Amino acid sequence: MAFKRSSVRSRSAPPYHFSCMPFFVYILKSELSGTSYVGHTADLANRIQEHNNGKSLSTRSKRPWQLVYQEEYVTRSEAMMRERHFKSQIGRLELKARGIT
């Protein structure tokens, strides 16, 4: 009887090696309306260009956008947690107190 190899991967071993690519939490400010937008990405320059080119539905109507703040993280989950914090009431108050938004 021949051994049949399973096509299911183990959950403990990732299918590829993680690179040292940083993730960014960023805050944009609309030059048109003065409102702010918080997001996260692995390619900050490209993402800002996408916002300013109208490729994001949520920011299209308030172009142009200017980067006013950024933080760098090793993992995406850390960046997502920080983004959620900035979108919370406490996070918004923190940003306002620091003069960022």
PDB file of N, CA and C in Angstrom:
ATOM      1  N   MET A   1       0.846  -1.176   0.000  1.00  0.00           N
ATOM      2  CA  MET A   1       0.000   0.000   0.000  1.00  0.00           C
ATOM      3  C   MET A   1       0.890   1.236   0.000  1.00  0.00           C
ATOM      4  N   ALA A   2       0.653   2.110  -0.910  1.00  0.00           N
ATOM      5  CA  ALA A   2       1.455   3.327  -1.031  1.00  0.00           C
ATOM      6  C   ALA A   2       0.930   4.387  -0.072  1.00  0.00           C
ATOM      7  N   PHE A   3       1.853   5.195   0.434  1.00  0.00           N
ATOM      8  CA  PHE A   3       1.499   6.283   1.345  1.00  0.00           C
ATOM      9  C   PHE A   3       0.965   7.459   0.532  1.00  0.00           C
ATOM     10  N   LYS A   4      -0.210   7.917   0.872  1.00  0.00           N
ATOM     11  CA  LYS A   4      -0.805   9.053   0.177  1.00  0.00           C
ATOM     12  C   LYS A   4      -0.561  10.311   0.994  1.00  0.00           C
ATOM     13  N   ARG A   5      -0.018  11.304   0.362  1.00  0.00           N
ATOM     14  CA  ARG A   5       0.310  12.555   1.042  1.00  0.00           C
ATOM     15  C   ARG A   5      -0.948  13.416   1.168  1.00  0.00           C
ATOM     16  N   SER A   6      -1.170  13.934   2.332  1.00  0.00           N
ATOM     17  CA  SER A   6      -2.339  14.783   2.578  1.00  0.00           C
ATOM     18  C   SER A   6      -2.111  16.167   1.981  1.00  0.00           C
ATOM     19  N   SER A   7      -3.149  16.739   1.438  1.00  0.00           N
ATOM     20  CA  SER A   7      -3.035  18.085   0.877  1.00  0.00           C
ATOM     21  C   SER A   7      -3.365  19.163   1.910  1.00  0.00           C
ATOM     22  N   VAL A   8      -3.723  18.751   3.109  1.00  0.00           N
ATOM     23  CA  VAL A   8      -4.057  19.694   4.171  1.00  0.00           C
ATOM     24  C   VAL A   8      -2.780  20.075   4.898  1.00  0.00           C
ATOM     25  N   ARG A   9      -2.563  21.357   5.047  1.00  0.00           N
ATOM     26  CA  ARG A   9      -1.372  21.839   5.741  1.00  0.00           C
ATOM     27  C   ARG A   9      -1.626  21.926   7.229  1.00  0.00           C
ATOM     28  N   SER A  10      -0.578  21.748   7.964  1.00  0.00           N
ATOM     29  CA  SER A  10      -0.649  21.875   9.408  1.00  0.00           C
ATOM     30  C   SER A  10      -0.882  23.335   9.772  1.00  0.00           C
ATOM     31  N   ARG A  11      -1.736  23.591  10.743  1.00  0.00           N
ATOM     32  CA  ARG A  11      -2.001  24.969  11.171  1.00  0.00           C
ATOM     33  C   ARG A  11      -0.818  25.569  11.917  1.00  0.00           C
ATOM     34  N   SER A  12       0.034  24.746  12.478  1.00  0.00           N
ATOM     35  CA  SER A  12       1.145  25.272  13.258  1.00  0.00           C
ATOM     36  C   SER A  12       2.278  25.773  12.372  1.00  0.00           C
ATOM     37  N   ALA A  13       2.393  25.303  11.165  1.00  0.00           N
ATOM     38  CA  ALA A  13       3.477  25.722  10.285  1.00  0.00           C
ATOM     39  C   ALA A  13       2.932  26.616   9.181  1.00  0.00           C
ATOM     40  N   PRO A  14       3.424  27.844   9.088  1.00  0.00           N
ATOM     41  CA  PRO A  14       2.958  28.722   8.020  1.00  0.00           C
ATOM     42  C   PRO A  14       3.454  28.221   6.671  1.00  0.00           C
ATOM     43  N   PRO A  15       2.709  28.482   5.601  1.00  0.00           N
ATOM     44  CA  PRO A  15       3.100  27.992   4.282  1.00  0.00           C
ATOM     45  C   PRO A  15       4.281  28.749   3.679  1.00  0.00           C
ATOM     46  N   TYR A  16       4.695  29.836   4.292  1.00  0.00           N
ATOM     47  CA  TYR A  16       5.813  30.620   3.792  1.00  0.00           C
ATOM     48  C   TYR A  16       6.494  31.300   4.966  1.00  0.00           C
ATOM     49  N   HIS A  17       7.678  31.800   4.735  1.00  0.00           N
ATOM     50  CA  HIS A  17       8.399  32.524   5.784  1.00  0.00           C
ATOM     51  C   HIS A  17       7.962  33.978   5.780  1.00  0.00           C
ATOM     52  N   PHE A  18       7.810  34.530   6.964  1.00  0.00           N
ATOM     53  CA  PHE A  18       7.424  35.925   7.079  1.00  0.00           C
ATOM     54  C   PHE A  18       8.636  36.802   6.836  1.00  0.00           C
ATOM     55  N   SER A  19       8.456  37.836   6.081  1.00  0.00           N
ATOM     56  CA  SER A  19       9.545  38.777   5.849  1.00  0.00           C
ATOM     57  C   SER A  19       9.517  39.833   6.952  1.00  0.00           C
ATOM     58  N   CYS A  20      10.479  40.653   6.934  1.00  0.00           N
ATOM     59  CA  CYS A  20      10.563  41.722   7.930  1.00  0.00           C
ATOM     60  C   CYS A  20       9.886  42.978   7.417  1.00  0.00           C
ATOM     61  N   MET A  21       8.810  42.798   6.671  1.00  0.00           N
ATOM     62  CA  MET A  21       8.074  43.918   6.114  1.00  0.00           C
ATOM     63  C   MET A  21       7.269  44.593   7.219  1.00  0.00           C
ATOM     64  N   PRO A  22       7.484  45.877   7.430  1.00  0.00           N
ATOM     65  CA  PRO A  22       6.733  46.563   8.485  1.00  0.00           C
ATOM     66  C   PRO A  22       5.311  46.882   8.050  1.00  0.00           C
ATOM     67  N   PHE A  23       4.474  47.104   9.036  1.00  0.00           N
ATOM     68  CA  PHE A  23       3.105  47.549   8.814  1.00  0.00           C
ATOM     69  C   PHE A  23       2.966  48.920   9.447  1.00  0.00           C
ATOM     70  N   PHE A  24       2.164  49.755   8.843  1.00  0.00           N
ATOM     71  CA  PHE A  24       2.013  51.127   9.296  1.00  0.00           C
ATOM     72  C   PHE A  24       0.570  51.422   9.670  1.00  0.00           C
ATOM     73  N   VAL A  25       0.409  52.195  10.730  1.00  0.00           N
ATOM     74  CA  VAL A  25      -0.865  52.824  11.059  1.00  0.00           C
ATOM     75  C   VAL A  25      -0.668  54.272  10.648  1.00  0.00           C
ATOM     76  N   TYR A  26      -1.623  54.810   9.914  1.00  0.00           N
ATOM     77  CA  TYR A  26      -1.443  56.167   9.410  1.00  0.00           C
ATOM     78  C   TYR A  26      -2.710  56.984   9.620  1.00  0.00           C
ATOM     79  N   ILE A  27      -2.503  58.283   9.682  1.00  0.00           N
ATOM     80  CA  ILE A  27      -3.622  59.218   9.792  1.00  0.00           C
ATOM     81  C   ILE A  27      -3.469  60.243   8.684  1.00  0.00           C
ATOM     82  N   LEU A  28      -4.532  60.374   7.911  1.00  0.00           N
ATOM     83  CA  LEU A  28      -4.578  61.349   6.833  1.00  0.00           C
ATOM     84  C   LEU A  28      -5.524  62.472   7.216  1.00  0.00           C
ATOM     85  N   LYS A  29      -5.254  63.653   6.718  1.00  0.00           N
ATOM     86  CA  LYS A  29      -6.152  64.782   6.934  1.00  0.00           C
ATOM     87  C   LYS A  29      -6.557  65.332   5.574  1.00  0.00           C
ATOM     88  N   SER A  30      -7.842  65.549   5.408  1.00  0.00           N
ATOM     89  CA  SER A  30      -8.361  66.070   4.154  1.00  0.00           C
ATOM     90  C   SER A  30      -8.060  67.557   4.054  1.00  0.00           C
ATOM     91  N   GLU A  31      -7.449  67.955   2.947  1.00  0.00           N
ATOM     92  CA  GLU A  31      -7.196  69.377   2.717  1.00  0.00           C
ATOM     93  C   GLU A  31      -8.477  70.109   2.330  1.00  0.00           C
ATOM     94  N   LEU A  32      -9.472  69.349   1.878  1.00  0.00           N
ATOM     95  CA  LEU A  32     -10.747  69.925   1.454  1.00  0.00           C
ATOM     96  C   LEU A  32     -11.671  70.206   2.637  1.00  0.00           C
ATOM     97  N   SER A  33     -11.846  69.204   3.500  1.00  0.00           N
ATOM     98  CA  SER A  33     -12.822  69.337   4.583  1.00  0.00           C
ATOM     99  C   SER A  33     -12.206  69.414   5.980  1.00  0.00           C
ATOM    100  N   GLY A  34     -10.929  69.036   6.115  1.00  0.00           N
ATOM    101  CA  GLY A  34     -10.286  69.055   7.426  1.00  0.00           C
ATOM    102  C   GLY A  34     -10.557  67.817   8.259  1.00  0.00           C
ATOM    103  N   THR A  35     -11.307  66.845   7.721  1.00  0.00           N
ATOM    104  CA  THR A  35     -11.581  65.616   8.460  1.00  0.00           C
ATOM    105  C   THR A  35     -10.380  64.681   8.398  1.00  0.00           C
ATOM    106  N   SER A  36     -10.362  63.709   9.318  1.00  0.00           N
ATOM    107  CA  SER A  36      -9.252  62.767   9.401  1.00  0.00           C
ATOM    108  C   SER A  36      -9.696  61.365   9.016  1.00  0.00           C
ATOM    109  N   TYR A  37      -8.728  60.561   8.587  1.00  0.00           N
ATOM    110  CA  TYR A  37      -8.952  59.162   8.243  1.00  0.00           C
ATOM    111  C   TYR A  37      -7.824  58.337   8.856  1.00  0.00           C
ATOM    112  N   VAL A  38      -8.162  57.236   9.509  1.00  0.00           N
ATOM    113  CA  VAL A  38      -7.183  56.348  10.124  1.00  0.00           C
ATOM    114  C   VAL A  38      -7.212  55.014   9.393  1.00  0.00           C
ATOM    115  N   GLY A  39      -6.038  54.475   9.066  1.00  0.00           N
ATOM    116  CA  GLY A  39      -5.959  53.195   8.394  1.00  0.00           C
ATOM    117  C   GLY A  39      -4.652  52.492   8.703  1.00  0.00           C
ATOM    118  N   HIS A  40      -4.494  51.283   8.153  1.00  0.00           N
ATOM    119  CA  HIS A  40      -3.226  50.563   8.283  1.00  0.00           C
ATOM    120  C   HIS A  40      -2.887  49.920   6.947  1.00  0.00           C
ATOM    121  N   THR A  41      -1.586  49.724   6.702  1.00  0.00           N
ATOM    122  CA  THR A  41      -1.130  49.171   5.440  1.00  0.00           C
ATOM    123  C   THR A  41       0.312  48.681   5.577  1.00  0.00           C
ATOM    124  N   ALA A  42       0.741  47.891   4.599  1.00  0.00           N
ATOM    125  CA  ALA A  42       2.133  47.466   4.535  1.00  0.00           C
ATOM    126  C   ALA A  42       2.929  48.357   3.583  1.00  0.00           C
ATOM    127  N   ASP A  43       2.258  49.052   2.679  1.00  0.00           N
ATOM    128  CA  ASP A  43       2.917  49.919   1.696  1.00  0.00           C
ATOM    129  C   ASP A  43       2.320  51.315   1.810  1.00  0.00           C
ATOM    130  N   LEU A  44       2.912  52.118   2.651  1.00  0.00           N
ATOM    131  CA  LEU A  44       2.335  53.418   2.991  1.00  0.00           C
ATOM    132  C   LEU A  44       2.278  54.370   1.795  1.00  0.00           C
ATOM    133  N   ALA A  45       3.356  54.484   1.057  1.00  0.00           N
ATOM    134  CA  ALA A  45       3.387  55.425  -0.074  1.00  0.00           C
ATOM    135  C   ALA A  45       2.321  55.063  -1.109  1.00  0.00           C
ATOM    136  N   ASN A  46       2.206  53.790  -1.431  1.00  0.00           N
ATOM    137  CA  ASN A  46       1.206  53.345  -2.401  1.00  0.00           C
ATOM    138  C   ASN A  46      -0.213  53.588  -1.882  1.00  0.00           C
ATOM    139  N   ARG A  47      -0.437  53.338  -0.608  1.00  0.00           N
ATOM    140  CA  ARG A  47      -1.782  53.502  -0.042  1.00  0.00           C
ATOM    141  C   ARG A  47      -2.220  54.959  -0.060  1.00  0.00           C
ATOM    142  N   ILE A  48      -1.316  55.866   0.260  1.00  0.00           N
ATOM    143  CA  ILE A  48      -1.659  57.292   0.223  1.00  0.00           C
ATOM    144  C   ILE A  48      -1.985  57.708  -1.209  1.00  0.00           C
ATOM    145  N   GLN A  49      -1.221  57.191  -2.162  1.00  0.00           N
ATOM    146  CA  GLN A  49      -1.493  57.483  -3.566  1.00  0.00           C
ATOM    147  C   GLN A  49      -2.869  56.960  -3.973  1.00  0.00           C
ATOM    148  N   GLU A  50      -3.231  55.767  -3.490  1.00  0.00           N
ATOM    149  CA  GLU A  50      -4.559  55.223  -3.787  1.00  0.00           C
ATOM    150  C   GLU A  50      -5.659  56.119  -3.230  1.00  0.00           C
ATOM    151  N   HIS A  51      -5.474  56.617  -2.003  1.00  0.00           N
ATOM    152  CA  HIS A  51      -6.469  57.528  -1.414  1.00  0.00           C
ATOM    153  C   HIS A  51      -6.602  58.782  -2.280  1.00  0.00           C
ATOM    154  N   ASN A  52      -5.478  59.350  -2.684  1.00  0.00           N
ATOM    155  CA  ASN A  52      -5.512  60.592  -3.457  1.00  0.00           C
ATOM    156  C   ASN A  52      -5.958  60.400  -4.901  1.00  0.00           C
ATOM    157  N   ASN A  53      -5.868  59.185  -5.423  1.00  0.00           N
ATOM    158  CA  ASN A  53      -6.343  58.899  -6.783  1.00  0.00           C
ATOM    159  C   ASN A  53      -7.801  58.470  -6.807  1.00  0.00           C
ATOM    160  N   GLY A  54      -8.456  58.401  -5.654  1.00  0.00           N
ATOM    161  CA  GLY A  54      -9.874  58.070  -5.594  1.00  0.00           C
ATOM    162  C   GLY A  54     -10.175  56.589  -5.657  1.00  0.00           C
ATOM    163  N   LYS A  55      -9.197  55.733  -5.348  1.00  0.00           N
ATOM    164  CA  LYS A  55      -9.426  54.287  -5.412  1.00  0.00           C
ATOM    165  C   LYS A  55     -10.075  53.733  -4.153  1.00  0.00           C
ATOM    166  N   SER A  56     -10.193  54.540  -3.129  1.00  0.00           N
ATOM    167  CA  SER A  56     -10.860  54.129  -1.899  1.00  0.00           C
ATOM    168  C   SER A  56     -12.196  54.864  -1.810  1.00  0.00           C
ATOM    169  N   LEU A  57     -13.290  54.106  -1.777  1.00  0.00           N
ATOM    170  CA  LEU A  57     -14.616  54.721  -1.758  1.00  0.00           C
ATOM    171  C   LEU A  57     -14.836  55.628  -0.552  1.00  0.00           C
ATOM    172  N   SER A  58     -14.289  55.228   0.599  1.00  0.00           N
ATOM    173  CA  SER A  58     -14.555  55.994   1.817  1.00  0.00           C
ATOM    174  C   SER A  58     -13.822  57.333   1.853  1.00  0.00           C
ATOM    175  N   THR A  59     -12.793  57.514   1.043  1.00  0.00           N
ATOM    176  CA  THR A  59     -12.042  58.774   1.076  1.00  0.00           C
ATOM    177  C   THR A  59     -12.101  59.550  -0.234  1.00  0.00           C
ATOM    178  N   ARG A  60     -12.775  59.009  -1.216  1.00  0.00           N
ATOM    179  CA  ARG A  60     -12.789  59.607  -2.555  1.00  0.00           C
ATOM    180  C   ARG A  60     -13.321  61.035  -2.573  1.00  0.00           C
ATOM    181  N   SER A  61     -14.359  61.295  -1.824  1.00  0.00           N
ATOM    182  CA  SER A  61     -15.038  62.600  -1.911  1.00  0.00           C
ATOM    183  C   SER A  61     -14.318  63.717  -1.172  1.00  0.00           C
ATOM    184  N   LYS A  62     -13.304  63.398  -0.382  1.00  0.00           N
ATOM    185  CA  LYS A  62     -12.644  64.441   0.418  1.00  0.00           C
ATOM    186  C   LYS A  62     -11.188  64.652   0.021  1.00  0.00           C
ATOM    187  N   ARG A  63     -10.861  64.301  -1.212  1.00  0.00           N
ATOM    188  CA  ARG A  63      -9.493  64.479  -1.695  1.00  0.00           C
ATOM    189  C   ARG A  63      -9.166  65.946  -1.861  1.00  0.00           C
ATOM    190  N   PRO A  64      -7.916  66.328  -1.778  1.00  0.00           N
ATOM    191  CA  PRO A  64      -6.692  65.560  -1.545  1.00  0.00           C
ATOM    192  C   PRO A  64      -6.439  65.327  -0.054  1.00  0.00           C
ATOM    193  N   TRP A  65      -5.653  64.269   0.211  1.00  0.00           N
ATOM    194  CA  TRP A  65      -5.304  63.875   1.567  1.00  0.00           C
ATOM    195  C   TRP A  65      -3.829  64.126   1.823  1.00  0.00           C
ATOM    196  N   GLN A  66      -3.526  64.466   3.061  1.00  0.00           N
ATOM    197  CA  GLN A  66      -2.136  64.695   3.457  1.00  0.00           C
ATOM    198  C   GLN A  66      -1.830  63.818   4.664  1.00  0.00           C
ATOM    199  N   LEU A  67      -0.681  63.143   4.646  1.00  0.00           N
ATOM    200  CA  LEU A  67      -0.255  62.318   5.771  1.00  0.00           C
ATOM    201  C   LEU A  67       0.143  63.226   6.926  1.00  0.00           C
ATOM    202  N   VAL A  68      -0.488  63.027   8.092  1.00  0.00           N
ATOM    203  CA  VAL A  68      -0.158  63.854   9.254  1.00  0.00           C
ATOM    204  C   VAL A  68       0.485  63.049  10.384  1.00  0.00           C
ATOM    205  N   TYR A  69       0.360  61.707  10.340  1.00  0.00           N
ATOM    206  CA  TYR A  69       0.915  60.896  11.418  1.00  0.00           C
ATOM    207  C   TYR A  69       1.070  59.458  10.948  1.00  0.00           C
ATOM    208  N   GLN A  70       2.130  58.790  11.431  1.00  0.00           N
ATOM    209  CA  GLN A  70       2.311  57.376  11.131  1.00  0.00           C
ATOM    210  C   GLN A  70       3.070  56.688  12.263  1.00  0.00           C
ATOM    211  N   GLU A  71       2.783  55.412  12.434  1.00  0.00           N
ATOM    212  CA  GLU A  71       3.495  54.553  13.387  1.00  0.00           C
ATOM    213  C   GLU A  71       3.829  53.253  12.663  1.00  0.00           C
ATOM    214  N   GLU A  72       4.952  52.641  13.025  1.00  0.00           N
ATOM    215  CA  GLU A  72       5.390  51.407  12.375  1.00  0.00           C
ATOM    216  C   GLU A  72       5.319  50.237  13.352  1.00  0.00           C
ATOM    217  N   TYR A  73       4.855  49.085  12.856  1.00  0.00           N
ATOM    218  CA  TYR A  73       4.726  47.879  13.672  1.00  0.00           C
ATOM    219  C   TYR A  73       5.295  46.680  12.926  1.00  0.00           C
ATOM    220  N   VAL A  74       5.698  45.670  13.679  1.00  0.00           N
ATOM    221  CA  VAL A  74       6.282  44.465  13.101  1.00  0.00           C
ATOM    222  C   VAL A  74       5.212  43.556  12.524  1.00  0.00           C
ATOM    223  N   THR A  75       4.072  43.435  13.200  1.00  0.00           N
ATOM    224  CA  THR A  75       3.016  42.536  12.731  1.00  0.00           C
ATOM    225  C   THR A  75       1.763  43.316  12.350  1.00  0.00           C
ATOM    226  N   ARG A  76       0.996  42.712  11.473  1.00  0.00           N
ATOM    227  CA  ARG A  76      -0.254  43.332  11.047  1.00  0.00           C
ATOM    228  C   ARG A  76      -1.248  43.404  12.202  1.00  0.00           C
ATOM    229  N   SER A  77      -1.271  42.394  13.048  1.00  0.00           N
ATOM    230  CA  SER A  77      -2.223  42.394  14.156  1.00  0.00           C
ATOM    231  C   SER A  77      -1.951  43.558  15.117  1.00  0.00           C
ATOM    232  N   GLU A  78      -0.687  43.891  15.341  1.00  0.00           N
ATOM    233  CA  GLU A  78      -0.364  45.042  16.197  1.00  0.00           C
ATOM    234  C   GLU A  78      -0.866  46.329  15.556  1.00  0.00           C
ATOM    235  N   ALA A  79      -0.660  46.457  14.252  1.00  0.00           N
ATOM    236  CA  ALA A  79      -1.107  47.656  13.538  1.00  0.00           C
ATOM    237  C   ALA A  79      -2.631  47.767  13.574  1.00  0.00           C
ATOM    238  N   MET A  80      -3.322  46.637  13.408  1.00  0.00           N
ATOM    239  CA  MET A  80      -4.784  46.657  13.430  1.00  0.00           C
ATOM    240  C   MET A  80      -5.320  47.037  14.809  1.00  0.00           C
ATOM    241  N   MET A  81      -4.669  46.551  15.858  1.00  0.00           N
ATOM    242  CA  MET A  81      -5.106  46.906  17.213  1.00  0.00           C
ATOM    243  C   MET A  81      -4.928  48.402  17.461  1.00  0.00           C
ATOM    244  N   ARG A  82      -3.812  48.958  16.986  1.00  0.00           N
ATOM    245  CA  ARG A  82      -3.565  50.383  17.180  1.00  0.00           C
ATOM    246  C   ARG A  82      -4.550  51.217  16.356  1.00  0.00           C
ATOM    247  N   GLU A  83      -4.868  50.761  15.148  1.00  0.00           N
ATOM    248  CA  GLU A  83      -5.864  51.449  14.325  1.00  0.00           C
ATOM    249  C   GLU A  83      -7.211  51.481  15.041  1.00  0.00           C
ATOM    250  N   ARG A  84      -7.612  50.336  15.599  1.00  0.00           N
ATOM    251  CA  ARG A  84      -8.878  50.281  16.340  1.00  0.00           C
ATOM    252  C   ARG A  84      -8.858  51.231  17.531  1.00  0.00           C
ATOM    253  N   HIS A  85      -7.703  51.339  18.192  1.00  0.00           N
ATOM    254  CA  HIS A  85      -7.586  52.259  19.327  1.00  0.00           C
ATOM    255  C   HIS A  85      -7.808  53.700  18.870  1.00  0.00           C
ATOM    256  N   PHE A  86      -7.159  54.080  17.761  1.00  0.00           N
ATOM    257  CA  PHE A  86      -7.310  55.450  17.261  1.00  0.00           C
ATOM    258  C   PHE A  86      -8.736  55.749  16.815  1.00  0.00           C
ATOM    259  N   LYS A  87      -9.489  54.740  16.414  1.00  0.00           N
ATOM    260  CA  LYS A  87     -10.871  54.937  16.002  1.00  0.00           C
ATOM    261  C   LYS A  87     -11.843  54.947  17.173  1.00  0.00           C
ATOM    262  N   SER A  88     -11.363  54.579  18.357  1.00  0.00           N
ATOM    263  CA  SER A  88     -12.210  54.605  19.548  1.00  0.00           C
ATOM    264  C   SER A  88     -12.282  56.033  20.093  1.00  0.00           C
ATOM    265  N   GLN A  89     -13.213  56.253  20.989  1.00  0.00           N
ATOM    266  CA  GLN A  89     -13.360  57.586  21.571  1.00  0.00           C
ATOM    267  C   GLN A  89     -12.112  57.986  22.352  1.00  0.00           C
ATOM    268  N   ILE A  90     -11.537  57.071  23.116  1.00  0.00           N
ATOM    269  CA  ILE A  90     -10.324  57.368  23.883  1.00  0.00           C
ATOM    270  C   ILE A  90      -9.167  57.701  22.941  1.00  0.00           C
ATOM    271  N   GLY A  91      -9.041  56.933  21.873  1.00  0.00           N
ATOM    272  CA  GLY A  91      -7.976  57.178  20.902  1.00  0.00           C
ATOM    273  C   GLY A  91      -8.124  58.520  20.206  1.00  0.00           C
ATOM    274  N   ARG A  92      -9.349  58.885  19.857  1.00  0.00           N
ATOM    275  CA  ARG A  92      -9.580  60.186  19.222  1.00  0.00           C
ATOM    276  C   ARG A  92      -9.230  61.335  20.165  1.00  0.00           C
ATOM    277  N   LEU A  93      -9.584  61.162  21.433  1.00  0.00           N
ATOM    278  CA  LEU A  93      -9.239  62.195  22.415  1.00  0.00           C
ATOM    279  C   LEU A  93      -7.721  62.300  22.598  1.00  0.00           C
ATOM    280  N   GLU A  94      -7.046  61.162  22.578  1.00  0.00           N
ATOM    281  CA  GLU A  94      -5.588  61.139  22.685  1.00  0.00           C
ATOM    282  C   GLU A  94      -4.943  61.879  21.508  1.00  0.00           C
ATOM    283  N   LEU A  95      -5.427  61.614  20.304  1.00  0.00           N
ATOM    284  CA  LEU A  95      -4.889  62.284  19.120  1.00  0.00           C
ATOM    285  C   LEU A  95      -5.165  63.793  19.161  1.00  0.00           C
ATOM    286  N   LYS A  96      -6.347  64.153  19.622  1.00  0.00           N
ATOM    287  CA  LYS A  96      -6.694  65.573  19.724  1.00  0.00           C
ATOM    288  C   LYS A  96      -5.808  66.273  20.746  1.00  0.00           C
ATOM    289  N   ALA A  97      -5.550  65.621  21.873  1.00  0.00           N
ATOM    290  CA  ALA A  97      -4.699  66.211  22.903  1.00  0.00           C
ATOM    291  C   ALA A  97      -3.258  66.389  22.413  1.00  0.00           C
ATOM    292  N   ARG A  98      -2.828  65.494  21.528  1.00  0.00           N
ATOM    293  CA  ARG A  98      -1.474  65.584  20.980  1.00  0.00           C
ATOM    294  C   ARG A  98      -1.408  66.516  19.782  1.00  0.00           C
ATOM    295  N   GLY A  99      -2.546  67.065  19.348  1.00  0.00           N
ATOM    296  CA  GLY A  99      -2.579  68.000  18.238  1.00  0.00           C
ATOM    297  C   GLY A  99      -2.448  67.368  16.874  1.00  0.00           C
ATOM    298  N   ILE A 100      -2.776  66.073  16.772  1.00  0.00           N
ATOM    299  CA  ILE A 100      -2.623  65.370  15.498  1.00  0.00           C
ATOM    300  C   ILE A 100      -3.873  65.517  14.636  1.00  0.00           C
ATOM    301  N   THR A 101      -5.052  65.512  15.237  1.00  0.00           N
ATOM    302  CA  THR A 101      -6.277  65.658  14.445  1.00  0.00           C
ATOM    303  C   THR A 101      -7.012  66.926  14.820  1.00  0.00           C
TER     304      THR A 101
END
